[in-house]
Amino acid sequence: MSTRQHVLKDILEGRIPDSSSYGGGDEPGEATGRSGGAPVLSRATATVMRTSMVTIASGETVLLAWELLERSGARHLPVVRPDGRCAGVLDRAEVAVVCAAPAVTLTRRYAGDLVRGRRCVVIHRDDPVRKALDVMDANDCDVLPVVGDDGRLSGLLSAADVVSALAGRPVRSVPGLGALPPCPFPVLPGLPPRRDGGRVSPVP
């Protein structure tokens, strides 16, 4: 069993106590350190999920997917269809392996190709966090796309986000980015330049 699976089991079975009581701040998920907040596992997923993140359109290349992951420092990259629905989530390690192929072939491989044929498991933003963890455990994954009533991508929830919430930390955000953009497109403006050993990437 992986470390992630152990953590999920410990949370679901109560070995990691749900004693965090942050809440009541100006923003959902804001840590205030005050008592009286609802237990994390009972809260709506929307209060713990991340909305500040990068996404990639399914028709964009794998090379751009890697660039987005590098510049944002993110571990996961949701792939979004033109209708705003999530086609799947790419993992940094998965994209790194694909990018080991010759560059000429990568220009003909698209983000949507990597998630095609997969079952995209999602959670509704109003579902409790405990249900999200149950879904992660049942599907052997550590991240879930979060959707609204219209089925469009609303946010992203990872096991790490739940652990942060249990520790009373605020929802994480990508430096330079606000909330999820209203339509699916690769987010390049606003991301900081990629730095490699003190050198700044010339990518705008």
Protein backbone atom coordinates (compact mmCIF):
# COMPACT_ATOMS: atom_id res chain seq x y z
CA MET A 1 0.00 0.00 0.00
CA SER A 2 1.35 3.42 -0.97
CA THR A 3 1.91 6.29 1.48
CA ARG A 4 -1.06 8.10 -0.05
CA GLN A 5 -3.32 5.10 0.51
CA HIS A 6 -2.14 4.85 4.12
CA VAL A 7 -2.99 8.52 4.70
CA LEU A 8 -6.45 8.15 3.15
CA LYS A 9 -7.13 5.05 5.28
CA ASP A 10 -5.93 6.82 8.42
CA ILE A 11 -8.20 9.81 7.79
CA LEU A 12 -11.25 7.70 6.92
CA GLU A 13 -10.74 5.39 9.91
CA GLY A 14 -10.21 8.26 12.34
CA ARG A 15 -6.54 7.70 13.12
CA ILE A 16 -5.90 11.25 11.89
CA PRO A 17 -8.42 13.20 13.97
CA ASP A 18 -10.77 15.61 12.26
CA SER A 19 -10.23 18.24 14.93
CA SER A 20 -9.45 21.22 12.71
CA SER A 21 -11.89 24.02 13.41
CA TYR A 22 -10.82 26.74 11.09
CA GLY A 23 -13.52 28.52 9.23
CA GLY A 24 -15.59 31.61 9.60
CA GLY A 25 -13.12 33.71 7.62
CA ASP A 26 -13.88 35.99 4.72
CA GLU A 27 -13.16 33.30 2.12
CA PRO A 28 -14.14 29.61 1.99
CA GLY A 29 -11.40 27.53 3.56
CA GLU A 30 -9.66 30.51 5.17
CA ALA A 31 -7.83 29.46 8.32
CA THR A 32 -8.79 31.60 11.31
CA GLY A 33 -7.69 29.44 14.21
CA ARG A 34 -11.08 29.92 15.91
CA SER A 35 -13.14 27.09 17.34
CA GLY A 36 -16.63 26.12 16.37
CA GLY A 37 -16.11 25.37 12.69
CA ALA A 38 -17.58 22.23 11.16
CA PRO A 39 -15.26 19.21 11.04
CA VAL A 40 -13.35 19.14 7.77
CA LEU A 41 -14.74 15.80 6.62
CA SER A 42 -18.30 17.08 7.01
CA ARG A 43 -17.76 20.28 5.03
CA ALA A 44 -18.66 20.76 1.40
CA THR A 45 -15.80 19.94 -0.95
CA ALA A 46 -16.04 23.51 -2.29
CA THR A 47 -14.64 24.85 1.00
CA VAL A 48 -11.45 22.79 0.73
CA MET A 49 -10.85 22.49 -3.03
CA ARG A 50 -8.48 24.64 -5.06
CA THR A 51 -9.86 27.02 -7.65
CA SER A 52 -6.53 28.70 -8.34
CA MET A 53 -4.92 26.32 -10.79
CA VAL A 54 -3.80 25.90 -14.36
CA THR A 55 -5.79 23.87 -16.86
CA ILE A 56 -5.11 22.79 -20.41
CA ALA A 57 -7.50 22.40 -23.32
CA SER A 58 -7.71 18.86 -24.66
CA GLY A 59 -6.50 20.00 -28.10
CA GLU A 60 -3.21 21.47 -26.84
CA THR A 61 0.09 19.63 -27.13
CA VAL A 62 1.88 17.55 -24.53
CA LEU A 63 4.78 20.02 -24.74
CA LEU A 64 2.51 22.82 -23.56
CA ALA A 65 1.22 20.57 -20.79
CA TRP A 66 4.76 20.15 -19.49
CA GLU A 67 5.44 23.88 -19.78
CA LEU A 68 2.36 24.64 -17.70
CA LEU A 69 3.36 22.12 -15.04
CA GLU A 70 6.89 23.50 -14.91
CA ARG A 71 5.91 27.13 -14.67
CA SER A 72 3.14 26.64 -12.16
CA GLY A 73 4.95 24.08 -10.02
CA ALA A 74 1.73 22.06 -9.97
CA ARG A 75 1.62 18.28 -9.68
CA HIS A 76 -1.71 17.87 -11.45
CA LEU A 77 -3.09 19.39 -14.65
CA PRO A 78 -6.81 19.08 -15.48
CA VAL A 79 -7.58 18.52 -19.18
CA VAL A 80 -10.70 20.46 -20.16
CA ARG A 81 -13.00 19.91 -23.12
CA PRO A 82 -14.43 22.82 -25.12
CA ASP A 83 -17.70 22.57 -23.16
CA GLY A 84 -15.85 23.15 -19.88
CA ARG A 85 -16.13 19.57 -18.66
CA CYS A 86 -13.06 17.77 -17.38
CA ALA A 87 -11.75 14.97 -19.56
CA GLY A 88 -9.24 13.81 -16.96
CA VAL A 89 -6.27 14.91 -14.87
CA LEU A 90 -2.65 14.58 -15.93
CA ASP A 91 0.02 13.83 -13.34
CA ARG A 92 3.42 15.52 -13.54
CA ALA A 93 5.26 12.18 -13.56
CA GLU A 94 3.07 10.88 -16.37
CA VAL A 95 3.73 13.91 -18.56
CA ALA A 96 7.46 13.73 -17.80
CA VAL A 97 7.60 10.14 -19.07
CA VAL A 98 5.75 11.07 -22.27
CA CYS A 99 8.08 14.04 -22.82
CA ALA A 100 11.06 11.67 -22.93
CA ALA A 101 10.06 10.92 -26.54
CA PRO A 102 11.69 12.87 -29.41
CA ALA A 103 10.39 16.44 -29.56
CA VAL A 104 9.15 16.06 -33.13
CA THR A 105 6.65 13.42 -32.00
CA LEU A 106 5.46 15.54 -29.09
CA THR A 107 4.16 18.22 -31.41
CA ARG A 108 1.71 15.64 -32.71
CA ARG A 109 0.57 14.39 -29.30
CA TYR A 110 -2.18 16.19 -27.48
CA ALA A 111 -3.29 16.43 -23.88
CA GLY A 112 -6.62 14.84 -24.76
CA ASP A 113 -4.80 11.81 -26.17
CA LEU A 114 -3.31 11.01 -22.77
CA VAL A 115 -6.68 10.83 -21.02
CA ARG A 116 -8.69 9.29 -23.84
CA GLY A 117 -10.32 6.03 -22.80
CA ARG A 118 -9.97 6.75 -19.10
CA ARG A 119 -12.92 7.00 -16.76
CA CYS A 120 -12.90 10.51 -15.35
CA VAL A 121 -14.15 10.25 -11.77
CA VAL A 122 -15.48 13.55 -10.40
CA ILE A 123 -17.06 14.87 -7.20
CA HIS A 124 -19.73 17.57 -6.87
CA ARG A 125 -18.73 20.77 -5.12
CA ASP A 126 -21.54 20.33 -2.56
CA ASP A 127 -20.59 16.75 -1.63
CA PRO A 128 -18.89 16.36 1.76
CA VAL A 129 -15.14 15.94 1.91
CA ARG A 130 -15.58 12.48 3.44
CA LYS A 131 -17.40 11.33 0.30
CA ALA A 132 -14.54 12.70 -1.83
CA LEU A 133 -12.04 10.67 0.20
CA ASP A 134 -14.21 7.57 -0.15
CA VAL A 135 -14.25 8.09 -3.93
CA MET A 136 -10.45 8.53 -3.99
CA ASP A 137 -9.98 5.37 -1.97
CA ALA A 138 -12.38 3.34 -4.12
CA ASN A 139 -10.72 4.48 -7.36
CA ASP A 140 -7.12 4.36 -6.12
CA CYS A 141 -6.43 8.01 -6.91
CA ASP A 142 -5.33 11.02 -4.89
CA VAL A 143 -6.95 13.86 -6.83
CA LEU A 144 -10.48 14.55 -8.07
CA PRO A 145 -11.91 17.16 -10.42
CA VAL A 146 -14.73 19.03 -8.69
CA VAL A 147 -17.77 19.98 -10.76
CA GLY A 148 -20.77 22.26 -10.35
CA ASP A 149 -24.43 21.68 -11.19
CA ASP A 150 -23.70 22.20 -14.91
CA GLY A 151 -20.99 19.52 -14.91
CA ARG A 152 -18.26 22.03 -15.70
CA LEU A 153 -14.94 21.98 -13.87
CA SER A 154 -15.20 24.02 -10.69
CA GLY A 155 -12.01 23.11 -8.84
CA LEU A 156 -9.56 20.39 -7.90
CA LEU A 157 -9.30 18.42 -4.66
CA SER A 158 -6.29 16.32 -3.70
CA ALA A 159 -5.54 14.25 -0.62
CA ALA A 160 -2.87 16.83 0.19
CA ASP A 161 -5.53 19.55 0.22
CA VAL A 162 -7.53 17.60 2.79
CA VAL A 163 -4.47 17.08 4.98
CA SER A 164 -3.75 20.84 4.77
CA ALA A 165 -7.33 21.57 5.81
CA LEU A 166 -7.04 19.19 8.75
CA ALA A 167 -3.91 21.07 9.78
CA GLY A 168 -5.82 24.35 9.64
CA ARG A 169 -3.95 25.77 6.67
CA PRO A 170 -5.70 27.90 4.02
CA VAL A 171 -6.44 26.69 0.52
CA ARG A 172 -3.33 26.84 -1.64
CA SER A 173 -3.09 28.97 -4.75
CA VAL A 174 -0.76 29.28 -7.72
CA PRO A 175 1.37 32.46 -7.47
CA GLY A 176 0.18 35.04 -9.96
CA LEU A 177 -3.14 33.33 -10.67
CA GLY A 178 -6.63 34.03 -9.47
CA ALA A 179 -9.51 31.60 -9.56
CA LEU A 180 -10.23 29.15 -12.35
CA PRO A 181 -10.88 31.03 -15.62
CA PRO A 182 -14.46 30.97 -16.91
CA CYS A 183 -13.59 29.08 -20.10
CA PRO A 184 -11.01 26.35 -20.76
CA PHE A 185 -7.75 27.63 -22.18
CA PRO A 186 -4.11 27.14 -21.26
CA VAL A 187 -3.06 29.73 -18.72
CA LEU A 188 0.28 31.27 -19.66
CA PRO A 189 -0.15 34.98 -18.84
CA GLY A 190 0.26 35.56 -15.13
CA LEU A 191 2.44 32.52 -14.49
CA PRO A 192 5.93 33.32 -13.23
CA PRO A 193 8.83 32.52 -15.59
CA ARG A 194 10.41 29.12 -15.18
CA ARG A 195 13.73 29.22 -13.36
CA ASP A 196 16.48 26.67 -13.92
CA GLY A 197 19.40 27.05 -11.56
CA GLY A 198 19.11 30.81 -11.42
CA ARG A 199 18.50 31.17 -15.16
CA VAL A 200 15.16 32.51 -16.28
CA SER A 201 13.42 30.75 -19.13
CA PRO A 202 12.90 33.01 -22.16
CA VAL A 203 9.34 31.74 -22.54
CA PRO A 204 7.07 34.81 -22.09
